[in-house]
Amino acid sequence: MSGEVIERVKKEESPWLAALPGRWLGGKAAFARALLETTLSSAPREVVVTIDQSGGRVARVVNFCVANAKFFGGG
């Protein structure tokens, strides 16, 4: 889901708010708009998660993140 949000932010215009192109909105507002659009239009996807050579586990997810950091996605 996060990759799709980034793609939407980079687009010049949004089909949901066609009168407000992404660059016009600015940083946080553009991300908020893209997050809302993505959340409302995303469907769960099936992924296989394998940790330390264990048998893979199948999961249906909308957003999946593996991070080694204190923050993710701007805080």
N, C-alpha and C. Protein backbone atom coordinates (compact mmCIF):
# COMPACT_ATOMS: atom_id res chain seq x y z
N MET A 1 0.82 -1.19 0.00
CA MET A 1 0.00 0.00 0.00
C MET A 1 0.87 1.26 0.00
N SER A 2 1.96 1.26 0.75
CA SER A 2 2.78 2.47 0.84
C SER A 2 3.39 2.83 -0.51
N GLY A 3 3.77 1.84 -1.31
CA GLY A 3 4.30 2.12 -2.64
C GLY A 3 3.26 2.76 -3.54
N GLU A 4 2.04 2.31 -3.42
CA GLU A 4 0.95 2.88 -4.21
C GLU A 4 0.67 4.33 -3.78
N VAL A 5 0.78 4.61 -2.49
CA VAL A 5 0.60 5.98 -2.00
C VAL A 5 1.64 6.89 -2.65
N ILE A 6 2.90 6.44 -2.67
CA ILE A 6 3.97 7.24 -3.28
C ILE A 6 3.68 7.49 -4.76
N GLU A 7 3.23 6.47 -5.47
CA GLU A 7 2.90 6.64 -6.89
C GLU A 7 1.83 7.71 -7.07
N ARG A 8 0.81 7.69 -6.23
CA ARG A 8 -0.26 8.67 -6.34
C ARG A 8 0.24 10.08 -6.04
N VAL A 9 1.13 10.22 -5.07
CA VAL A 9 1.68 11.54 -4.74
C VAL A 9 2.44 12.10 -5.93
N LYS A 10 3.16 11.25 -6.63
CA LYS A 10 3.98 11.70 -7.75
C LYS A 10 3.17 12.05 -9.00
N LYS A 11 1.93 11.56 -9.08
CA LYS A 11 1.08 11.87 -10.23
C LYS A 11 0.74 13.36 -10.22
N GLU A 12 0.60 13.90 -11.41
CA GLU A 12 0.26 15.33 -11.53
C GLU A 12 -1.14 15.61 -11.01
N GLU A 13 -2.10 14.73 -11.33
CA GLU A 13 -3.48 14.96 -10.92
C GLU A 13 -4.09 13.71 -10.30
N SER A 14 -5.12 13.91 -9.53
CA SER A 14 -5.85 12.83 -8.89
C SER A 14 -7.23 12.71 -9.51
N PRO A 15 -7.70 11.50 -9.82
CA PRO A 15 -9.06 11.38 -10.35
C PRO A 15 -10.11 11.73 -9.30
N TRP A 16 -9.76 11.66 -8.02
CA TRP A 16 -10.71 11.95 -6.94
C TRP A 16 -10.85 13.45 -6.71
N LEU A 17 -9.75 14.15 -6.80
CA LEU A 17 -9.76 15.60 -6.60
C LEU A 17 -9.10 16.25 -7.82
N ALA A 18 -9.72 16.08 -8.96
CA ALA A 18 -9.09 16.50 -10.22
C ALA A 18 -8.76 17.99 -10.24
N ALA A 19 -9.48 18.78 -9.48
CA ALA A 19 -9.23 20.22 -9.48
C ALA A 19 -8.02 20.59 -8.63
N LEU A 20 -7.49 19.65 -7.86
CA LEU A 20 -6.36 19.91 -6.97
C LEU A 20 -5.19 19.01 -7.32
N PRO A 21 -4.35 19.37 -8.29
CA PRO A 21 -3.21 18.53 -8.63
C PRO A 21 -2.28 18.33 -7.44
N GLY A 22 -1.60 17.18 -7.39
CA GLY A 22 -0.75 16.82 -6.26
C GLY A 22 0.28 17.85 -5.90
N ARG A 23 0.94 18.44 -6.88
CA ARG A 23 1.98 19.43 -6.59
C ARG A 23 1.40 20.70 -5.99
N TRP A 24 0.16 21.00 -6.31
CA TRP A 24 -0.49 22.20 -5.77
C TRP A 24 -0.76 22.05 -4.28
N LEU A 25 -1.07 20.84 -3.86
CA LEU A 25 -1.43 20.61 -2.46
C LEU A 25 -0.25 20.75 -1.51
N GLY A 26 0.93 20.37 -1.94
CA GLY A 26 2.08 20.41 -1.05
C GLY A 26 2.24 19.09 -0.31
N GLY A 27 3.33 18.95 0.44
CA GLY A 27 3.76 17.70 1.06
C GLY A 27 2.73 16.92 1.85
N LYS A 28 2.41 17.36 3.06
CA LYS A 28 1.54 16.58 3.94
C LYS A 28 0.14 16.42 3.38
N ALA A 29 -0.40 17.44 2.76
CA ALA A 29 -1.75 17.34 2.20
C ALA A 29 -1.77 16.37 1.02
N ALA A 30 -0.73 16.39 0.20
CA ALA A 30 -0.67 15.46 -0.94
C ALA A 30 -0.59 14.02 -0.44
N PHE A 31 0.20 13.78 0.60
CA PHE A 31 0.29 12.43 1.16
C PHE A 31 -1.04 12.01 1.79
N ALA A 32 -1.69 12.92 2.50
CA ALA A 32 -2.98 12.60 3.12
C ALA A 32 -4.02 12.24 2.07
N ARG A 33 -4.06 13.02 0.98
CA ARG A 33 -5.00 12.74 -0.10
C ARG A 33 -4.70 11.38 -0.73
N ALA A 34 -3.41 11.13 -1.00
CA ALA A 34 -3.02 9.87 -1.63
C ALA A 34 -3.31 8.69 -0.71
N LEU A 35 -3.09 8.85 0.58
CA LEU A 35 -3.38 7.78 1.54
C LEU A 35 -4.86 7.47 1.57
N LEU A 36 -5.70 8.50 1.59
CA LEU A 36 -7.14 8.30 1.59
C LEU A 36 -7.60 7.59 0.31
N GLU A 37 -7.13 8.05 -0.84
CA GLU A 37 -7.50 7.43 -2.11
C GLU A 37 -7.08 5.96 -2.14
N THR A 38 -5.84 5.69 -1.70
CA THR A 38 -5.33 4.32 -1.73
C THR A 38 -6.09 3.43 -0.77
N THR A 39 -6.38 3.94 0.41
CA THR A 39 -7.12 3.15 1.40
C THR A 39 -8.49 2.77 0.88
N LEU A 40 -9.16 3.70 0.24
CA LEU A 40 -10.51 3.43 -0.25
C LEU A 40 -10.55 2.55 -1.49
N SER A 41 -9.44 2.48 -2.22
CA SER A 41 -9.47 1.72 -3.47
C SER A 41 -8.63 0.44 -3.44
N SER A 42 -7.91 0.18 -2.35
CA SER A 42 -7.03 -0.99 -2.29
C SER A 42 -7.80 -2.24 -1.87
N ALA A 43 -7.39 -3.35 -2.45
CA ALA A 43 -7.93 -4.65 -2.08
C ALA A 43 -6.79 -5.46 -1.43
N PRO A 44 -7.12 -6.33 -0.49
CA PRO A 44 -6.06 -7.16 0.12
C PRO A 44 -5.34 -8.01 -0.92
N ARG A 45 -4.05 -8.24 -0.67
CA ARG A 45 -3.23 -9.08 -1.54
C ARG A 45 -2.67 -10.23 -0.72
N GLU A 46 -2.43 -11.33 -1.38
CA GLU A 46 -1.89 -12.49 -0.70
C GLU A 46 -0.36 -12.46 -0.79
N VAL A 47 0.30 -12.62 0.35
CA VAL A 47 1.76 -12.65 0.40
C VAL A 47 2.20 -13.88 1.18
N VAL A 48 3.43 -14.32 0.92
CA VAL A 48 4.01 -15.42 1.67
C VAL A 48 5.16 -14.84 2.49
N VAL A 49 5.09 -15.02 3.80
CA VAL A 49 6.11 -14.48 4.71
C VAL A 49 6.95 -15.63 5.25
N THR A 50 8.26 -15.54 5.05
CA THR A 50 9.19 -16.55 5.54
C THR A 50 10.20 -15.87 6.43
N ILE A 51 10.36 -16.36 7.66
CA ILE A 51 11.31 -15.79 8.61
C ILE A 51 12.32 -16.86 9.00
N ASP A 52 13.60 -16.57 8.83
CA ASP A 52 14.68 -17.47 9.24
C ASP A 52 14.50 -18.89 8.71
N GLN A 53 14.30 -19.04 7.45
CA GLN A 53 14.17 -20.33 6.77
C GLN A 53 13.03 -21.20 7.30
N SER A 54 12.09 -20.61 8.02
CA SER A 54 10.93 -21.38 8.47
C SER A 54 9.98 -21.56 7.30
N GLY A 55 9.02 -22.42 7.48
CA GLY A 55 8.02 -22.60 6.42
C GLY A 55 7.29 -21.29 6.21
N GLY A 56 6.99 -20.96 4.98
CA GLY A 56 6.30 -19.71 4.68
C GLY A 56 4.88 -19.71 5.21
N ARG A 57 4.44 -18.55 5.61
CA ARG A 57 3.07 -18.37 6.08
C ARG A 57 2.36 -17.46 5.10
N VAL A 58 1.19 -17.87 4.65
CA VAL A 58 0.41 -17.08 3.70
C VAL A 58 -0.47 -16.12 4.49
N ALA A 59 -0.48 -14.86 4.06
CA ALA A 59 -1.31 -13.85 4.72
C ALA A 59 -1.95 -12.95 3.67
N ARG A 60 -3.16 -12.50 3.95
CA ARG A 60 -3.81 -11.51 3.09
C ARG A 60 -3.64 -10.17 3.77
N VAL A 61 -3.00 -9.23 3.08
CA VAL A 61 -2.67 -7.95 3.68
C VAL A 61 -3.04 -6.80 2.75
N VAL A 62 -3.22 -5.63 3.34
CA VAL A 62 -3.38 -4.41 2.56
C VAL A 62 -2.06 -3.65 2.58
N ASN A 63 -1.37 -3.68 3.71
CA ASN A 63 -0.06 -3.03 3.83
C ASN A 63 0.82 -3.92 4.68
N PHE A 64 2.03 -4.16 4.22
CA PHE A 64 2.97 -5.03 4.94
C PHE A 64 4.31 -4.32 5.01
N CYS A 65 4.83 -4.16 6.20
CA CYS A 65 6.09 -3.44 6.36
C CYS A 65 7.02 -4.22 7.26
N VAL A 66 8.26 -4.35 6.83
CA VAL A 66 9.32 -4.91 7.66
C VAL A 66 10.36 -3.81 7.77
N ALA A 67 10.65 -3.39 8.99
CA ALA A 67 11.56 -2.26 9.14
C ALA A 67 12.51 -2.50 10.31
N ASN A 68 13.65 -1.92 10.20
CA ASN A 68 14.64 -1.95 11.27
C ASN A 68 14.96 -0.50 11.62
N ALA A 69 13.95 0.19 12.12
CA ALA A 69 14.09 1.61 12.39
C ALA A 69 13.10 2.02 13.46
N LYS A 70 13.34 3.14 14.04
CA LYS A 70 12.46 3.64 15.08
C LYS A 70 11.15 4.18 14.49
N PHE A 71 11.23 4.74 13.27
CA PHE A 71 10.06 5.33 12.63
C PHE A 71 9.85 4.75 11.24
N PHE A 72 8.63 4.86 10.74
CA PHE A 72 8.30 4.42 9.40
C PHE A 72 7.35 5.43 8.78
N GLY A 73 7.58 5.79 7.54
CA GLY A 73 6.65 6.66 6.83
C GLY A 73 6.55 8.08 7.35
N GLY A 74 7.65 8.65 7.75
CA GLY A 74 7.64 10.04 8.18
C GLY A 74 7.37 10.23 9.66
N GLY A 75 7.42 9.18 10.43
CA GLY A 75 7.29 9.34 11.88
C GLY A 75 6.15 8.59 12.45
